Amino acid sequence: MSKYTDTVTLTDGTTLKIRTDRGITGTVYREIPSRQRPAGSLMRIGTTMHLVTRGFLTPIVPDRWASAADDAEGAEIALAFFTASAEACIEHAKAEGIPVEQCY
């Protein structure tokens, strides 16, 4: 398995990919955006996906992103999760008429 996923281009031109890092307690999927902004991370412990925020782990609740059987599936889920999140920010910025950087 590659350490990086394929790159996705968002509607605002930002590119996004996921870096996979295996750790002692689980696998971390780090968002790598081309735009200078804070990036996020998900972590898979066993089969459960967690959002990593300020050192805390929050289990992902929506079933579509809640679990992954292996590292490859976890990377795919992380890419879909961060792509959907970023696109929601882009849509919000357009609707409000503000720069997308204010929403990320």
PDB file of N, CA and C in Angstrom:
ATOM      1  N   MET A   1       0.833  -1.177   0.000  1.00  0.00           N
ATOM      2  CA  MET A   1       0.000   0.000   0.000  1.00  0.00           C
ATOM      3  C   MET A   1       0.878   1.242   0.000  1.00  0.00           C
ATOM      4  N   SER A   2       0.512   2.231  -0.804  1.00  0.00           N
ATOM      5  CA  SER A   2       1.236   3.501  -0.857  1.00  0.00           C
ATOM      6  C   SER A   2       0.988   4.305   0.414  1.00  0.00           C
ATOM      7  N   LYS A   3       1.963   5.119   0.778  1.00  0.00           N
ATOM      8  CA  LYS A   3       1.820   5.982   1.952  1.00  0.00           C
ATOM      9  C   LYS A   3       0.828   7.116   1.686  1.00  0.00           C
ATOM     10  N   TYR A   4       0.595   7.449   0.405  1.00  0.00           N
ATOM     11  CA  TYR A   4      -0.308   8.534   0.018  1.00  0.00           C
ATOM     12  C   TYR A   4      -1.437   8.004  -0.869  1.00  0.00           C
ATOM     13  N   THR A   5      -2.612   8.636  -0.744  1.00  0.00           N
ATOM     14  CA  THR A   5      -3.715   8.326  -1.656  1.00  0.00           C
ATOM     15  C   THR A   5      -3.524   9.109  -2.952  1.00  0.00           C
ATOM     16  N   ASP A   6      -4.381   8.836  -3.915  1.00  0.00           N
ATOM     17  CA  ASP A   6      -4.422   9.672  -5.108  1.00  0.00           C
ATOM     18  C   ASP A   6      -4.850  11.069  -4.694  1.00  0.00           C
ATOM     19  N   THR A   7      -4.518  12.051  -5.505  1.00  0.00           N
ATOM     20  CA  THR A   7      -4.878  13.437  -5.230  1.00  0.00           C
ATOM     21  C   THR A   7      -6.248  13.747  -5.808  1.00  0.00           C
ATOM     22  N   VAL A   8      -7.065  14.466  -5.035  1.00  0.00           N
ATOM     23  CA  VAL A   8      -8.388  14.908  -5.454  1.00  0.00           C
ATOM     24  C   VAL A   8      -8.330  16.422  -5.615  1.00  0.00           C
ATOM     25  N   THR A   9      -8.948  16.952  -6.669  1.00  0.00           N
ATOM     26  CA  THR A   9      -9.035  18.395  -6.857  1.00  0.00           C
ATOM     27  C   THR A   9     -10.437  18.857  -6.475  1.00  0.00           C
ATOM     28  N   LEU A  10     -10.490  19.808  -5.538  1.00  0.00           N
ATOM     29  CA  LEU A  10     -11.765  20.345  -5.061  1.00  0.00           C
ATOM     30  C   LEU A  10     -12.272  21.415  -6.032  1.00  0.00           C
ATOM     31  N   THR A  11     -13.516  21.834  -5.863  1.00  0.00           N
ATOM     32  CA  THR A  11     -14.113  22.802  -6.785  1.00  0.00           C
ATOM     33  C   THR A  11     -13.458  24.171  -6.733  1.00  0.00           C
ATOM     34  N   ASP A  12     -12.712  24.481  -5.658  1.00  0.00           N
ATOM     35  CA  ASP A  12     -12.010  25.774  -5.598  1.00  0.00           C
ATOM     36  C   ASP A  12     -10.576  25.670  -6.108  1.00  0.00           C
ATOM     37  N   GLY A  13     -10.197  24.501  -6.633  1.00  0.00           N
ATOM     38  CA  GLY A  13      -8.858  24.308  -7.181  1.00  0.00           C
ATOM     39  C   GLY A  13      -7.851  23.737  -6.190  1.00  0.00           C
ATOM     40  N   THR A  14      -8.202  23.680  -4.923  1.00  0.00           N
ATOM     41  CA  THR A  14      -7.316  23.081  -3.922  1.00  0.00           C
ATOM     42  C   THR A  14      -7.190  21.590  -4.198  1.00  0.00           C
ATOM     43  N   THR A  15      -5.991  21.059  -4.041  1.00  0.00           N
ATOM     44  CA  THR A  15      -5.825  19.614  -4.143  1.00  0.00           C
ATOM     45  C   THR A  15      -5.689  19.042  -2.738  1.00  0.00           C
ATOM     46  N   LEU A  16      -6.052  17.783  -2.621  1.00  0.00           N
ATOM     47  CA  LEU A  16      -6.098  17.126  -1.327  1.00  0.00           C
ATOM     48  C   LEU A  16      -5.681  15.680  -1.496  1.00  0.00           C
ATOM     49  N   LYS A  17      -4.856  15.207  -0.581  1.00  0.00           N
ATOM     50  CA  LYS A  17      -4.539  13.787  -0.531  1.00  0.00           C
ATOM     51  C   LYS A  17      -4.377  13.408   0.935  1.00  0.00           C
ATOM     52  N   ILE A  18      -4.247  12.123   1.199  1.00  0.00           N
ATOM     53  CA  ILE A  18      -4.140  11.607   2.558  1.00  0.00           C
ATOM     54  C   ILE A  18      -2.822  10.856   2.701  1.00  0.00           C
ATOM     55  N   ARG A  19      -2.107  11.144   3.805  1.00  0.00           N
ATOM     56  CA  ARG A  19      -0.892  10.399   4.141  1.00  0.00           C
ATOM     57  C   ARG A  19      -1.238   9.410   5.248  1.00  0.00           C
ATOM     58  N   THR A  20      -0.826   8.166   5.091  1.00  0.00           N
ATOM     59  CA  THR A  20      -1.085   7.118   6.069  1.00  0.00           C
ATOM     60  C   THR A  20       0.158   6.885   6.914  1.00  0.00           C
ATOM     61  N   ASP A  21      -0.008   6.964   8.235  1.00  0.00           N
ATOM     62  CA  ASP A  21       1.084   6.700   9.176  1.00  0.00           C
ATOM     63  C   ASP A  21       0.630   5.645  10.177  1.00  0.00           C
ATOM     64  N   ARG A  22       1.337   4.527  10.218  1.00  0.00           N
ATOM     65  CA  ARG A  22       1.004   3.478  11.180  1.00  0.00           C
ATOM     66  C   ARG A  22       1.658   3.798  12.520  1.00  0.00           C
ATOM     67  N   GLY A  23       0.878   3.662  13.583  1.00  0.00           N
ATOM     68  CA  GLY A  23       1.383   3.921  14.918  1.00  0.00           C
ATOM     69  C   GLY A  23       1.223   2.711  15.817  1.00  0.00           C
ATOM     70  N   ILE A  24       1.539   2.885  17.078  1.00  0.00           N
ATOM     71  CA  ILE A  24       1.456   1.791  18.038  1.00  0.00           C
ATOM     72  C   ILE A  24       0.012   1.394  18.309  1.00  0.00           C
ATOM     73  N   THR A  25      -0.866   2.389  18.478  1.00  0.00           N
ATOM     74  CA  THR A  25      -2.252   2.088  18.834  1.00  0.00           C
ATOM     75  C   THR A  25      -3.197   2.046  17.644  1.00  0.00           C
ATOM     76  N   GLY A  26      -2.770   2.519  16.489  1.00  0.00           N
ATOM     77  CA  GLY A  26      -3.634   2.527  15.317  1.00  0.00           C
ATOM     78  C   GLY A  26      -2.969   3.211  14.143  1.00  0.00           C
ATOM     79  N   THR A  27      -3.726   3.430  13.093  1.00  0.00           N
ATOM     80  CA  THR A  27      -3.225   4.082  11.889  1.00  0.00           C
ATOM     81  C   THR A  27      -3.824   5.478  11.800  1.00  0.00           C
ATOM     82  N   VAL A  28      -2.961   6.465  11.533  1.00  0.00           N
ATOM     83  CA  VAL A  28      -3.396   7.852  11.411  1.00  0.00           C
ATOM     84  C   VAL A  28      -3.426   8.229   9.933  1.00  0.00           C
ATOM     85  N   TYR A  29      -4.512   8.893   9.541  1.00  0.00           N
ATOM     86  CA  TYR A  29      -4.690   9.368   8.174  1.00  0.00           C
ATOM     87  C   TYR A  29      -4.685  10.883   8.220  1.00  0.00           C
ATOM     88  N   ARG A  30      -3.610  11.492   7.718  1.00  0.00           N
ATOM     89  CA  ARG A  30      -3.438  12.944   7.783  1.00  0.00           C
ATOM     90  C   ARG A  30      -3.815  13.591   6.458  1.00  0.00           C
ATOM     91  N   GLU A  31      -4.617  14.624   6.555  1.00  0.00           N
ATOM     92  CA  GLU A  31      -5.035  15.389   5.385  1.00  0.00           C
ATOM     93  C   GLU A  31      -3.856  16.256   4.926  1.00  0.00           C
ATOM     94  N   ILE A  32      -3.555  16.226   3.632  1.00  0.00           N
ATOM     95  CA  ILE A  32      -2.488  17.043   3.050  1.00  0.00           C
ATOM     96  C   ILE A  32      -3.108  17.931   1.972  1.00  0.00           C
ATOM     97  N   PRO A  33      -3.504  19.171   2.330  1.00  0.00           N
ATOM     98  CA  PRO A  33      -4.091  20.074   1.343  1.00  0.00           C
ATOM     99  C   PRO A  33      -3.019  20.928   0.665  1.00  0.00           C
ATOM    100  N   SER A  34      -3.270  21.356  -0.568  1.00  0.00           N
ATOM    101  CA  SER A  34      -2.329  22.247  -1.241  1.00  0.00           C
ATOM    102  C   SER A  34      -2.488  23.675  -0.732  1.00  0.00           C
ATOM    103  N   ARG A  35      -3.667  24.022  -0.267  1.00  0.00           N
ATOM    104  CA  ARG A  35      -3.938  25.366   0.257  1.00  0.00           C
ATOM    105  C   ARG A  35      -3.408  25.444   1.689  1.00  0.00           C
ATOM    106  N   GLN A  36      -2.785  26.555   2.016  1.00  0.00           N
ATOM    107  CA  GLN A  36      -2.255  26.759   3.366  1.00  0.00           C
ATOM    108  C   GLN A  36      -3.421  26.947   4.335  1.00  0.00           C
ATOM    109  N   ARG A  37      -3.725  25.926   5.106  1.00  0.00           N
ATOM    110  CA  ARG A  37      -4.809  25.969   6.089  1.00  0.00           C
ATOM    111  C   ARG A  37      -4.594  24.841   7.088  1.00  0.00           C
ATOM    112  N   PRO A  38      -5.260  24.892   8.223  1.00  0.00           N
ATOM    113  CA  PRO A  38      -5.128  23.784   9.177  1.00  0.00           C
ATOM    114  C   PRO A  38      -5.623  22.486   8.548  1.00  0.00           C
ATOM    115  N   ALA A  39      -4.900  21.411   8.787  1.00  0.00           N
ATOM    116  CA  ALA A  39      -5.278  20.111   8.243  1.00  0.00           C
ATOM    117  C   ALA A  39      -5.815  19.232   9.361  1.00  0.00           C
ATOM    118  N   GLY A  40      -6.584  18.240   8.990  1.00  0.00           N
ATOM    119  CA  GLY A  40      -7.178  17.350   9.971  1.00  0.00           C
ATOM    120  C   GLY A  40      -6.582  15.954   9.912  1.00  0.00           C
ATOM    121  N   SER A  41      -6.970  15.146  10.884  1.00  0.00           N
ATOM    122  CA  SER A  41      -6.521  13.761  10.940  1.00  0.00           C
ATOM    123  C   SER A  41      -7.648  12.855  11.422  1.00  0.00           C
ATOM    124  N   LEU A  42      -7.666  11.659  10.869  1.00  0.00           N
ATOM    125  CA  LEU A  42      -8.519  10.590  11.365  1.00  0.00           C
ATOM    126  C   LEU A  42      -7.598   9.474  11.837  1.00  0.00           C
ATOM    127  N   MET A  43      -8.076   8.665  12.769  1.00  0.00           N
ATOM    128  CA  MET A  43      -7.290   7.534  13.265  1.00  0.00           C
ATOM    129  C   MET A  43      -8.171   6.301  13.298  1.00  0.00           C
ATOM    130  N   ARG A  44      -7.619   5.183  12.826  1.00  0.00           N
ATOM    131  CA  ARG A  44      -8.328   3.903  12.885  1.00  0.00           C
ATOM    132  C   ARG A  44      -7.710   3.073  13.991  1.00  0.00           C
ATOM    133  N   ILE A  45      -8.545   2.706  14.962  1.00  0.00           N
ATOM    134  CA  ILE A  45      -8.122   1.804  16.034  1.00  0.00           C
ATOM    135  C   ILE A  45      -8.996   0.567  15.902  1.00  0.00           C
ATOM    136  N   GLY A  46      -8.381  -0.555  15.596  1.00  0.00           N
ATOM    137  CA  GLY A  46      -9.157  -1.744  15.248  1.00  0.00           C
ATOM    138  C   GLY A  46      -9.852  -1.458  13.929  1.00  0.00           C
ATOM    139  N   THR A  47     -11.168  -1.428  13.946  1.00  0.00           N
ATOM    140  CA  THR A  47     -11.913  -1.071  12.734  1.00  0.00           C
ATOM    141  C   THR A  47     -12.650   0.256  12.887  1.00  0.00           C
ATOM    142  N   THR A  48     -12.575   0.872  14.068  1.00  0.00           N
ATOM    143  CA  THR A  48     -13.314   2.107  14.342  1.00  0.00           C
ATOM    144  C   THR A  48     -12.516   3.339  13.941  1.00  0.00           C
ATOM    145  N   MET A  49     -13.157   4.233  13.196  1.00  0.00           N
ATOM    146  CA  MET A  49     -12.531   5.486  12.776  1.00  0.00           C
ATOM    147  C   MET A  49     -12.836   6.573  13.805  1.00  0.00           C
ATOM    148  N   HIS A  50     -11.808   7.402  14.103  1.00  0.00           N
ATOM    149  CA  HIS A  50     -11.932   8.495  15.061  1.00  0.00           C
ATOM    150  C   HIS A  50     -11.413   9.782  14.434  1.00  0.00           C
ATOM    151  N   LEU A  51     -12.042  10.898  14.785  1.00  0.00           N
ATOM    152  CA  LEU A  51     -11.541  12.216  14.419  1.00  0.00           C
ATOM    153  C   LEU A  51     -10.549  12.635  15.490  1.00  0.00           C
ATOM    154  N   VAL A  52      -9.372  13.106  15.085  1.00  0.00           N
ATOM    155  CA  VAL A  52      -8.355  13.560  16.031  1.00  0.00           C
ATOM    156  C   VAL A  52      -8.443  15.082  16.112  1.00  0.00           C
ATOM    157  N   THR A  53      -8.784  15.601  17.293  1.00  0.00           N
ATOM    158  CA  THR A  53      -8.889  17.042  17.495  1.00  0.00           C
ATOM    159  C   THR A  53      -8.194  17.409  18.792  1.00  0.00           C
ATOM    160  N   ARG A  54      -7.173  18.254  18.681  1.00  0.00           N
ATOM    161  CA  ARG A  54      -6.433  18.745  19.846  1.00  0.00           C
ATOM    162  C   ARG A  54      -6.008  17.617  20.781  1.00  0.00           C
ATOM    163  N   GLY A  55      -5.602  16.510  20.216  1.00  0.00           N
ATOM    164  CA  GLY A  55      -5.125  15.391  21.017  1.00  0.00           C
ATOM    165  C   GLY A  55      -6.212  14.468  21.534  1.00  0.00           C
ATOM    166  N   PHE A  56      -7.464  14.754  21.207  1.00  0.00           N
ATOM    167  CA  PHE A  56      -8.572  13.907  21.639  1.00  0.00           C
ATOM    168  C   PHE A  56      -9.080  13.085  20.463  1.00  0.00           C
ATOM    169  N   LEU A  57      -9.583  11.899  20.761  1.00  0.00           N
ATOM    170  CA  LEU A  57     -10.171  11.039  19.745  1.00  0.00           C
ATOM    171  C   LEU A  57     -11.683  11.022  19.911  1.00  0.00           C
ATOM    172  N   THR A  58     -12.394  11.348  18.850  1.00  0.00           N
ATOM    173  CA  THR A  58     -13.855  11.329  18.860  1.00  0.00           C
ATOM    174  C   THR A  58     -14.310  10.304  17.836  1.00  0.00           C
ATOM    175  N   PRO A  59     -15.029   9.266  18.266  1.00  0.00           N
ATOM    176  CA  PRO A  59     -15.493   8.272  17.282  1.00  0.00           C
ATOM    177  C   PRO A  59     -16.368   8.918  16.216  1.00  0.00           C
ATOM    178  N   ILE A  60     -16.182   8.498  14.982  1.00  0.00           N
ATOM    179  CA  ILE A  60     -16.990   8.985  13.867  1.00  0.00           C
ATOM    180  C   ILE A  60     -18.355   8.303  13.960  1.00  0.00           C
ATOM    181  N   VAL A  61     -19.416   9.078  13.903  1.00  0.00           N
ATOM    182  CA  VAL A  61     -20.761   8.522  14.086  1.00  0.00           C
ATOM    183  C   VAL A  61     -21.439   8.122  12.780  1.00  0.00           C
ATOM    184  N   PRO A  62     -21.446   8.947  11.724  1.00  0.00           N
ATOM    185  CA  PRO A  62     -22.155   8.505  10.518  1.00  0.00           C
ATOM    186  C   PRO A  62     -21.608   7.168  10.020  1.00  0.00           C
ATOM    187  N   ASP A  63     -22.494   6.226   9.773  1.00  0.00           N
ATOM    188  CA  ASP A  63     -22.072   4.884   9.378  1.00  0.00           C
ATOM    189  C   ASP A  63     -21.140   4.862   8.170  1.00  0.00           C
ATOM    190  N   ARG A  64     -21.326   5.811   7.263  1.00  0.00           N
ATOM    191  CA  ARG A  64     -20.535   5.771   6.032  1.00  0.00           C
ATOM    192  C   ARG A  64     -19.046   5.978   6.297  1.00  0.00           C
ATOM    193  N   TRP A  65     -18.671   6.617   7.411  1.00  0.00           N
ATOM    194  CA  TRP A  65     -17.265   6.843   7.735  1.00  0.00           C
ATOM    195  C   TRP A  65     -16.847   6.208   9.059  1.00  0.00           C
ATOM    196  N   ALA A  66     -17.695   5.393   9.661  1.00  0.00           N
ATOM    197  CA  ALA A  66     -17.472   4.911  11.027  1.00  0.00           C
ATOM    198  C   ALA A  66     -16.440   3.801  11.158  1.00  0.00           C
ATOM    199  N   SER A  67     -16.249   2.981  10.132  1.00  0.00           N
ATOM    200  CA  SER A  67     -15.316   1.862  10.300  1.00  0.00           C
ATOM    201  C   SER A  67     -14.599   1.524   9.006  1.00  0.00           C
ATOM    202  N   ALA A  68     -13.426   0.950   9.179  1.00  0.00           N
ATOM    203  CA  ALA A  68     -12.608   0.511   8.044  1.00  0.00           C
ATOM    204  C   ALA A  68     -11.947  -0.812   8.408  1.00  0.00           C
ATOM    205  N   ALA A  69     -11.942  -1.738   7.486  1.00  0.00           N
ATOM    206  CA  ALA A  69     -11.387  -3.064   7.731  1.00  0.00           C
ATOM    207  C   ALA A  69      -9.863  -3.083   7.724  1.00  0.00           C
ATOM    208  N   ASP A  70      -9.242  -2.176   6.943  1.00  0.00           N
ATOM    209  CA  ASP A  70      -7.781  -2.177   6.839  1.00  0.00           C
ATOM    210  C   ASP A  70      -7.289  -0.771   6.498  1.00  0.00           C
ATOM    211  N   ASP A  71      -5.964  -0.637   6.366  1.00  0.00           N
ATOM    212  CA  ASP A  71      -5.375   0.673   6.102  1.00  0.00           C
ATOM    213  C   ASP A  71      -5.831   1.277   4.782  1.00  0.00           C
ATOM    214  N   ALA A  72      -5.943   0.463   3.744  1.00  0.00           N
ATOM    215  CA  ALA A  72      -6.360   0.979   2.438  1.00  0.00           C
ATOM    216  C   ALA A  72      -7.782   1.526   2.497  1.00  0.00           C
ATOM    217  N   GLU A  73      -8.686   0.803   3.143  1.00  0.00           N
ATOM    218  CA  GLU A  73     -10.058   1.283   3.271  1.00  0.00           C
ATOM    219  C   GLU A  73     -10.114   2.533   4.156  1.00  0.00           C
ATOM    220  N   GLY A  74      -9.291   2.549   5.213  1.00  0.00           N
ATOM    221  CA  GLY A  74      -9.228   3.726   6.081  1.00  0.00           C
ATOM    222  C   GLY A  74      -8.780   4.962   5.323  1.00  0.00           C
ATOM    223  N   ALA A  75      -7.803   4.816   4.437  1.00  0.00           N
ATOM    224  CA  ALA A  75      -7.324   5.943   3.632  1.00  0.00           C
ATOM    225  C   ALA A  75      -8.413   6.433   2.684  1.00  0.00           C
ATOM    226  N   GLU A  76      -9.159   5.502   2.080  1.00  0.00           N
ATOM    227  CA  GLU A  76     -10.266   5.881   1.192  1.00  0.00           C
ATOM    228  C   GLU A  76     -11.350   6.633   1.966  1.00  0.00           C
ATOM    229  N   ILE A  77     -11.672   6.145   3.158  1.00  0.00           N
ATOM    230  CA  ILE A  77     -12.680   6.799   3.994  1.00  0.00           C
ATOM    231  C   ILE A  77     -12.207   8.194   4.391  1.00  0.00           C
ATOM    232  N   ALA A  78     -10.944   8.308   4.796  1.00  0.00           N
ATOM    233  CA  ALA A  78     -10.406   9.613   5.188  1.00  0.00           C
ATOM    234  C   ALA A  78     -10.448  10.597   4.025  1.00  0.00           C
ATOM    235  N   LEU A  79     -10.092  10.156   2.835  1.00  0.00           N
ATOM    236  CA  LEU A  79     -10.127  11.036   1.666  1.00  0.00           C
ATOM    237  C   LEU A  79     -11.563  11.487   1.381  1.00  0.00           C
ATOM    238  N   ALA A  80     -12.512  10.575   1.450  1.00  0.00           N
ATOM    239  CA  ALA A  80     -13.916  10.935   1.228  1.00  0.00           C
ATOM    240  C   ALA A  80     -14.421  11.882   2.310  1.00  0.00           C
ATOM    241  N   PHE A  81     -14.053  11.635   3.556  1.00  0.00           N
ATOM    242  CA  PHE A  81     -14.471  12.466   4.692  1.00  0.00           C
ATOM    243  C   PHE A  81     -13.959  13.892   4.542  1.00  0.00           C
ATOM    244  N   PHE A  82     -12.651  14.047   4.296  1.00  0.00           N
ATOM    245  CA  PHE A  82     -12.072  15.387   4.185  1.00  0.00           C
ATOM    246  C   PHE A  82     -12.498  16.097   2.901  1.00  0.00           C
ATOM    247  N   THR A  83     -12.731  15.359   1.825  1.00  0.00           N
ATOM    248  CA  THR A  83     -13.234  15.962   0.595  1.00  0.00           C
ATOM    249  C   THR A  83     -14.639  16.516   0.822  1.00  0.00           C
ATOM    250  N   ALA A  84     -15.508  15.729   1.437  1.00  0.00           N
ATOM    251  CA  ALA A  84     -16.879  16.187   1.710  1.00  0.00           C
ATOM    252  C   ALA A  84     -16.872  17.396   2.650  1.00  0.00           C
ATOM    253  N   SER A  85     -16.011  17.369   3.658  1.00  0.00           N
ATOM    254  CA  SER A  85     -15.926  18.490   4.603  1.00  0.00           C
ATOM    255  C   SER A  85     -15.465  19.767   3.908  1.00  0.00           C
ATOM    256  N   ALA A  86     -14.430  19.647   3.087  1.00  0.00           N
ATOM    257  CA  ALA A  86     -13.901  20.821   2.385  1.00  0.00           C
ATOM    258  C   ALA A  86     -14.919  21.370   1.393  1.00  0.00           C
ATOM    259  N   GLU A  87     -15.594  20.487   0.661  1.00  0.00           N
ATOM    260  CA  GLU A  87     -16.603  20.954  -0.302  1.00  0.00           C
ATOM    261  C   GLU A  87     -17.750  21.664   0.414  1.00  0.00           C
ATOM    262  N   ALA A  88     -18.105  21.204   1.610  1.00  0.00           N
ATOM    263  CA  ALA A  88     -19.143  21.892   2.384  1.00  0.00           C
ATOM    264  C   ALA A  88     -18.680  23.298   2.770  1.00  0.00           C
ATOM    265  N   CYS A  89     -17.408  23.451   3.120  1.00  0.00           N
ATOM    266  CA  CYS A  89     -16.855  24.780   3.429  1.00  0.00           C
ATOM    267  C   CYS A  89     -16.892  25.682   2.199  1.00  0.00           C
ATOM    268  N   ILE A  90     -16.527  25.128   1.056  1.00  0.00           N
ATOM    269  CA  ILE A  90     -16.514  25.895  -0.188  1.00  0.00           C
ATOM    270  C   ILE A  90     -17.934  26.366  -0.532  1.00  0.00           C
ATOM    271  N   GLU A  91     -18.911  25.466  -0.422  1.00  0.00           N
ATOM    272  CA  GLU A  91     -20.301  25.834  -0.706  1.00  0.00           C
ATOM    273  C   GLU A  91     -20.795  26.902   0.262  1.00  0.00           C
ATOM    274  N   HIS A  92     -20.443  26.771   1.532  1.00  0.00           N
ATOM    275  CA  HIS A  92     -20.847  27.758   2.535  1.00  0.00           C
ATOM    276  C   HIS A  92     -20.257  29.131   2.203  1.00  0.00           C
ATOM    277  N   ALA A  93     -18.977  29.154   1.844  1.00  0.00           N
ATOM    278  CA  ALA A  93     -18.318  30.425   1.513  1.00  0.00           C
ATOM    279  C   ALA A  93     -18.985  31.087   0.311  1.00  0.00           C
ATOM    280  N   LYS A  94     -19.293  30.295  -0.713  1.00  0.00           N
ATOM    281  CA  LYS A  94     -19.973  30.850  -1.895  1.00  0.00           C
ATOM    282  C   LYS A  94     -21.341  31.417  -1.524  1.00  0.00           C
ATOM    283  N   ALA A  95     -22.090  30.684  -0.721  1.00  0.00           N
ATOM    284  CA  ALA A  95     -23.429  31.124  -0.327  1.00  0.00           C
ATOM    285  C   ALA A  95     -23.389  32.410   0.489  1.00  0.00           C
ATOM    286  N   GLU A  96     -22.349  32.563   1.304  1.00  0.00           N
ATOM    287  CA  GLU A  96     -22.211  33.747   2.156  1.00  0.00           C
ATOM    288  C   GLU A  96     -21.483  34.893   1.457  1.00  0.00           C
ATOM    289  N   GLY A  97     -20.875  34.599   0.300  1.00  0.00           N
ATOM    290  CA  GLY A  97     -20.133  35.623  -0.432  1.00  0.00           C
ATOM    291  C   GLY A  97     -18.842  36.037   0.247  1.00  0.00           C
ATOM    292  N   ILE A  98     -18.199  35.098   0.919  1.00  0.00           N
ATOM    293  CA  ILE A  98     -16.944  35.381   1.636  1.00  0.00           C
ATOM    294  C   ILE A  98     -15.834  34.505   1.084  1.00  0.00           C
ATOM    295  N   PRO A  99     -14.570  34.883   1.307  1.00  0.00           N
ATOM    296  CA  PRO A  99     -13.463  34.038   0.841  1.00  0.00           C
ATOM    297  C   PRO A  99     -13.485  32.681   1.548  1.00  0.00           C
ATOM    298  N   VAL A 100     -13.187  31.646   0.792  1.00  0.00           N
ATOM    299  CA  VAL A 100     -13.217  30.286   1.341  1.00  0.00           C
ATOM    300  C   VAL A 100     -12.233  30.129   2.510  1.00  0.00           C
ATOM    301  N   GLU A 101     -11.163  30.907   2.506  1.00  0.00           N
ATOM    302  CA  GLU A 101     -10.171  30.817   3.589  1.00  0.00           C
ATOM    303  C   GLU A 101     -10.794  31.132   4.953  1.00  0.00           C
ATOM    304  N   GLN A 102     -11.858  31.904   4.970  1.00  0.00           N
ATOM    305  CA  GLN A 102     -12.520  32.217   6.234  1.00  0.00           C
ATOM    306  C   GLN A 102     -13.348  31.057   6.769  1.00  0.00           C
ATOM    307  N   CYS A 103     -13.612  30.077   5.923  1.00  0.00           N
ATOM    308  CA  CYS A 103     -14.443  28.935   6.339  1.00  0.00           C
ATOM    309  C   CYS A 103     -13.636  27.707   6.698  1.00  0.00           C
ATOM    310  N   TYR A 104     -12.425  27.597   6.173  1.00  0.00           N
ATOM    311  CA  TYR A 104     -11.610  26.409   6.459  1.00  0.00           C
ATOM    312  C   TYR A 104     -11.212  26.390   7.906  1.00  0.00           C
TER     313      TYR A 104
END
